[in-house]
C-alpha atoms as a PDB file:
ATOM      1  CA  MET A   1     -16.546   4.049  -0.637  1.00  0.00           C
ATOM      2  CA  SER A   2     -15.504   4.200  -3.968  1.00  0.00           C
ATOM      3  CA  ASN A   3     -14.468   1.613  -6.361  1.00  0.00           C
ATOM      4  CA  SER A   4     -10.994   3.371  -6.235  1.00  0.00           C
ATOM      5  CA  ASP A   5     -11.164   3.368  -2.402  1.00  0.00           C
ATOM      6  CA  LYS A   6     -11.972  -0.821  -2.087  1.00  0.00           C
ATOM      7  CA  ILE A   7      -9.359  -2.715   0.641  1.00  0.00           C
ATOM      8  CA  ILE A   8      -7.377  -4.699  -1.197  1.00  0.00           C
ATOM      9  CA  ARG A   9      -5.109  -7.937   0.661  1.00  0.00           C
ATOM     10  CA  LEU A  10      -1.644  -8.885   0.654  1.00  0.00           C
ATOM     11  CA  LYS A  11      -1.648 -11.245  -2.452  1.00  0.00           C
ATOM     12  CA  THR A  12      -3.330  -9.120  -4.804  1.00  0.00           C
ATOM     13  CA  VAL A  13      -0.873  -6.030  -3.479  1.00  0.00           C
ATOM     14  CA  LEU A  14       1.897  -8.229  -4.120  1.00  0.00           C
ATOM     15  CA  ALA A  15       0.923  -9.287  -7.378  1.00  0.00           C
ATOM     16  CA  ARG A  16      -0.119  -5.583  -8.827  1.00  0.00           C
ATOM     17  CA  THR A  17       3.130  -4.014  -7.443  1.00  0.00           C
ATOM     18  CA  GLY A  18       5.619  -7.068  -8.562  1.00  0.00           C
ATOM     19  CA  LEU A  19       7.125  -6.496  -5.007  1.00  0.00           C
ATOM     20  CA  SER A  20       7.991  -9.304  -2.689  1.00  0.00           C
ATOM     21  CA  ARG A  21       6.786  -9.345   0.724  1.00  0.00           C
ATOM     22  CA  SER A  22      10.022  -8.350   2.260  1.00  0.00           C
ATOM     23  CA  THR A  23      10.599  -5.590   0.100  1.00  0.00           C
ATOM     24  CA  MET A  24       7.068  -4.225   0.334  1.00  0.00           C
ATOM     25  CA  TYR A  25       7.187  -4.405   3.967  1.00  0.00           C
ATOM     26  CA  ARG A  26      10.953  -2.520   4.066  1.00  0.00           C
ATOM     27  CA  LYS A  27       9.311   0.067   1.964  1.00  0.00           C
ATOM     28  CA  ILE A  28       6.582   0.681   4.376  1.00  0.00           C
ATOM     29  CA  ALA A  29       8.917   0.980   6.980  1.00  0.00           C
ATOM     30  CA  GLU A  30      10.784   3.665   4.883  1.00  0.00           C
ATOM     31  CA  GLY A  31       7.784   5.656   4.316  1.00  0.00           C
ATOM     32  CA  THR A  32       7.994   4.781   0.472  1.00  0.00           C
ATOM     33  CA  PHE A  33       5.116   2.557   0.126  1.00  0.00           C
ATOM     34  CA  PRO A  34       1.379   2.762   1.176  1.00  0.00           C
ATOM     35  CA  SER A  35       0.811   1.512   4.852  1.00  0.00           C
ATOM     36  CA  GLN A  36      -1.795  -0.959   5.943  1.00  0.00           C
ATOM     37  CA  VAL A  37      -5.191  -0.529   6.991  1.00  0.00           C
ATOM     38  CA  LYS A  38      -6.723  -2.565   9.936  1.00  0.00           C
ATOM     39  CA  ILE A  39      -9.901  -4.070   8.769  1.00  0.00           C
ATOM     40  CA  SER A  40     -10.707  -6.348  11.811  1.00  0.00           C
ATOM     41  CA  VAL A  41      -8.622  -7.886  14.702  1.00  0.00           C
ATOM     42  CA  HIS A  42      -6.074 -10.418  12.653  1.00  0.00           C
ATOM     43  CA  GLY A  43      -6.647  -8.502   9.326  1.00  0.00           C
ATOM     44  CA  ALA A  44      -5.375  -5.738   7.253  1.00  0.00           C
ATOM     45  CA  GLY A  45      -5.385  -4.713   3.969  1.00  0.00           C
ATOM     46  CA  TRP A  46      -4.370  -1.816   1.584  1.00  0.00           C
ATOM     47  CA  ARG A  47      -6.501   1.521   0.080  1.00  0.00           C
ATOM     48  CA  GLU A  48      -6.373   0.325  -3.545  1.00  0.00           C
ATOM     49  CA  SER A  49      -6.423   4.362  -4.549  1.00  0.00           C
ATOM     50  CA  ALA A  50      -3.135   4.280  -2.454  1.00  0.00           C
ATOM     51  CA  VAL A  51      -1.653   1.612  -3.911  1.00  0.00           C
ATOM     52  CA  ASN A  52      -2.750   2.723  -7.641  1.00  0.00           C
ATOM     53  CA  ARG A  53      -0.829   6.029  -6.756  1.00  0.00           C
ATOM     54  CA  TRP A  54       2.374   4.478  -5.765  1.00  0.00           C
ATOM     55  CA  ILE A  55       2.004   2.361  -9.179  1.00  0.00           C
ATOM     56  CA  ASP A  56       1.641   5.497 -11.104  1.00  0.00           C
ATOM     57  CA  ASP A  57       4.760   6.799  -9.679  1.00  0.00           C
ATOM     58  CA  PRO A  58       7.030   4.323  -7.450  1.00  0.00           C
ATOM     59  CA  VAL A  59       9.998   6.695  -7.454  1.00  0.00           C
ATOM     60  CA  SER A  60       8.486   9.684  -5.923  1.00  0.00           C
ATOM     61  CA  TYR A  61       5.866   8.135  -3.809  1.00  0.00           C
ATOM     62  CA  ARG A  62       5.931   9.617  -0.253  1.00  0.00           C
ATOM     63  CA  ALA A  63       3.374   8.374   2.641  1.00  0.00           C
ATOM     64  CA  GLU A  64       1.350  11.210   3.566  1.00  0.00           C
ATOM     65  CA  SER A  65       2.339  10.569   7.058  1.00  0.00           C
ATOM     66  CA  SER A  66       6.093  10.894   6.614  1.00  0.00           C
ATOM     67  CA  ALA A  67       5.121  14.126   4.265  1.00  0.00           C
ATOM     68  CA  GLN A  68       4.218  16.537   7.406  1.00  0.00           C
END
């Protein structure tokens, strides 16, 4: 796993994006923000590279699964 593909947790994602938790989850449901990756039974995180892509261009970001 490269440095840009680390898994980051919720607090880090919210701090980097400036989004509220509810806005972030709404955007995930709309397909305009990266989805979570399950990392354990009770844990999830986000790929840092996907969050960085969203930060680079939040207006035109589309989740890969919704683009298919």
